[in-house]
Amino acid sequence: MSLGWLDSVAPAMATTSPSVPDDSQATAELGPVDVAPEELNQWKRGFTPQAEIWNGRMAMVGLSVGLTVLLIARLAGRA
């Protein structure tokens, strides 16, 4: 069974290296950022570990407040 143009392309694709560069070396160079424990609560701007921690905290506060308001509104609507 002949696949036409695929027969001529498939062997070439199997022997050539991929055109996308290998990112394993780039990620090996970018290791985790060392942060002292006392620095985690500092308010820093940008994509820093401190900003991600505060982002998570504020998201949990917002979620908690939203669910509390929803619960109070539903309970008040039944009375």
C-alpha atoms as a PDB file:
ATOM      1  CA  MET A   1       0.000   0.000   0.000  1.00  0.00           C
ATOM      2  CA  SER A   2       1.524   3.279  -1.094  1.00  0.00           C
ATOM      3  CA  LEU A   3       0.875   6.508   0.771  1.00  0.00           C
ATOM      4  CA  GLY A   4       2.179   8.728  -1.994  1.00  0.00           C
ATOM      5  CA  TRP A   5       4.077  11.768  -0.723  1.00  0.00           C
ATOM      6  CA  LEU A   6       4.222  10.333   2.817  1.00  0.00           C
ATOM      7  CA  ASP A   7       6.496   7.497   1.640  1.00  0.00           C
ATOM      8  CA  SER A   8       9.139  10.000   0.567  1.00  0.00           C
ATOM      9  CA  VAL A   9       8.810  12.241   3.636  1.00  0.00           C
ATOM     10  CA  ALA A  10       8.666   9.664   6.439  1.00  0.00           C
ATOM     11  CA  PRO A  11      12.259   8.330   6.048  1.00  0.00           C
ATOM     12  CA  ALA A  12      13.628  11.875   5.934  1.00  0.00           C
ATOM     13  CA  MET A  13      11.720  12.821   9.067  1.00  0.00           C
ATOM     14  CA  ALA A  14      13.024   9.796  10.942  1.00  0.00           C
ATOM     15  CA  THR A  15      16.681  10.578  10.212  1.00  0.00           C
ATOM     16  CA  THR A  16      16.719  14.345  10.784  1.00  0.00           C
ATOM     17  CA  SER A  17      16.861  16.065  14.123  1.00  0.00           C
ATOM     18  CA  PRO A  18      13.819  18.037  15.235  1.00  0.00           C
ATOM     19  CA  SER A  19      13.711  21.697  14.236  1.00  0.00           C
ATOM     20  CA  VAL A  20      12.512  22.674  17.713  1.00  0.00           C
ATOM     21  CA  PRO A  21      15.440  23.311  20.066  1.00  0.00           C
ATOM     22  CA  ASP A  22      15.844  21.070  23.072  1.00  0.00           C
ATOM     23  CA  ASP A  23      14.675  22.950  26.181  1.00  0.00           C
ATOM     24  CA  SER A  24      16.206  20.517  28.656  1.00  0.00           C
ATOM     25  CA  GLN A  25      19.429  22.526  28.796  1.00  0.00           C
ATOM     26  CA  ALA A  26      17.576  25.820  29.261  1.00  0.00           C
ATOM     27  CA  THR A  27      15.545  24.490  32.172  1.00  0.00           C
ATOM     28  CA  ALA A  28      18.668  22.988  33.735  1.00  0.00           C
ATOM     29  CA  GLU A  29      20.228  26.457  33.816  1.00  0.00           C
ATOM     30  CA  LEU A  30      17.143  27.989  35.441  1.00  0.00           C
ATOM     31  CA  GLY A  31      17.080  26.397  38.840  1.00  0.00           C
ATOM     32  CA  PRO A  32      14.775  27.238  41.720  1.00  0.00           C
ATOM     33  CA  VAL A  33      15.169  30.644  43.298  1.00  0.00           C
ATOM     34  CA  ASP A  34      16.682  30.526  46.775  1.00  0.00           C
ATOM     35  CA  VAL A  35      14.627  32.652  49.154  1.00  0.00           C
ATOM     36  CA  ALA A  36      15.238  33.068  52.863  1.00  0.00           C
ATOM     37  CA  PRO A  37      12.203  32.237  55.054  1.00  0.00           C
ATOM     38  CA  GLU A  38      11.998  35.800  56.403  1.00  0.00           C
ATOM     39  CA  GLU A  39      11.723  37.152  52.854  1.00  0.00           C
ATOM     40  CA  LEU A  40       8.590  35.172  51.973  1.00  0.00           C
ATOM     41  CA  ASN A  41       6.278  37.645  53.734  1.00  0.00           C
ATOM     42  CA  GLN A  42       7.785  40.748  52.142  1.00  0.00           C
ATOM     43  CA  TRP A  43       5.624  42.631  49.687  1.00  0.00           C
ATOM     44  CA  LYS A  44       7.512  42.543  46.370  1.00  0.00           C
ATOM     45  CA  ARG A  45       6.223  43.366  42.921  1.00  0.00           C
ATOM     46  CA  GLY A  46       6.728  41.245  39.821  1.00  0.00           C
ATOM     47  CA  PHE A  47       6.859  37.490  39.346  1.00  0.00           C
ATOM     48  CA  THR A  48       8.628  36.611  42.571  1.00  0.00           C
ATOM     49  CA  PRO A  49       7.967  33.823  45.073  1.00  0.00           C
ATOM     50  CA  GLN A  50       6.776  36.457  47.532  1.00  0.00           C
ATOM     51  CA  ALA A  51       4.236  37.841  45.056  1.00  0.00           C
ATOM     52  CA  GLU A  52       2.941  34.340  44.323  1.00  0.00           C
ATOM     53  CA  ILE A  53       2.457  33.648  48.033  1.00  0.00           C
ATOM     54  CA  TRP A  54       0.537  36.906  48.514  1.00  0.00           C
ATOM     55  CA  ASN A  55      -1.492  36.188  45.371  1.00  0.00           C
ATOM     56  CA  GLY A  56      -2.553  32.832  46.822  1.00  0.00           C
ATOM     57  CA  ARG A  57      -3.401  34.381  50.177  1.00  0.00           C
ATOM     58  CA  MET A  58      -5.532  37.119  48.609  1.00  0.00           C
ATOM     59  CA  ALA A  59      -7.276  34.580  46.381  1.00  0.00           C
ATOM     60  CA  MET A  60      -8.220  32.515  49.439  1.00  0.00           C
ATOM     61  CA  VAL A  61      -9.474  35.628  51.268  1.00  0.00           C
ATOM     62  CA  GLY A  62     -11.577  36.583  48.246  1.00  0.00           C
ATOM     63  CA  LEU A  63     -12.970  33.077  47.914  1.00  0.00           C
ATOM     64  CA  SER A  64     -13.799  32.919  51.618  1.00  0.00           C
ATOM     65  CA  VAL A  65     -15.517  36.312  51.593  1.00  0.00           C
ATOM     66  CA  GLY A  66     -17.469  35.443  48.454  1.00  0.00           C
ATOM     67  CA  LEU A  67     -18.700  32.133  49.846  1.00  0.00           C
ATOM     68  CA  THR A  68     -19.612  33.774  53.172  1.00  0.00           C
ATOM     69  CA  VAL A  69     -21.628  36.487  51.425  1.00  0.00           C
ATOM     70  CA  LEU A  70     -23.355  33.852  49.302  1.00  0.00           C
ATOM     71  CA  LEU A  71     -24.201  31.755  52.364  1.00  0.00           C
ATOM     72  CA  ILE A  72     -25.554  34.752  54.301  1.00  0.00           C
ATOM     73  CA  ALA A  73     -27.604  35.900  51.318  1.00  0.00           C
ATOM     74  CA  ARG A  74     -29.149  32.438  50.875  1.00  0.00           C
ATOM     75  CA  LEU A  75     -29.893  32.080  54.578  1.00  0.00           C
ATOM     76  CA  ALA A  76     -31.403  35.594  54.707  1.00  0.00           C
ATOM     77  CA  GLY A  77     -33.576  34.799  51.679  1.00  0.00           C
ATOM     78  CA  ARG A  78     -35.224  31.850  53.460  1.00  0.00           C
ATOM     79  CA  ALA A  79     -36.354  33.860  56.488  1.00  0.00           C
END
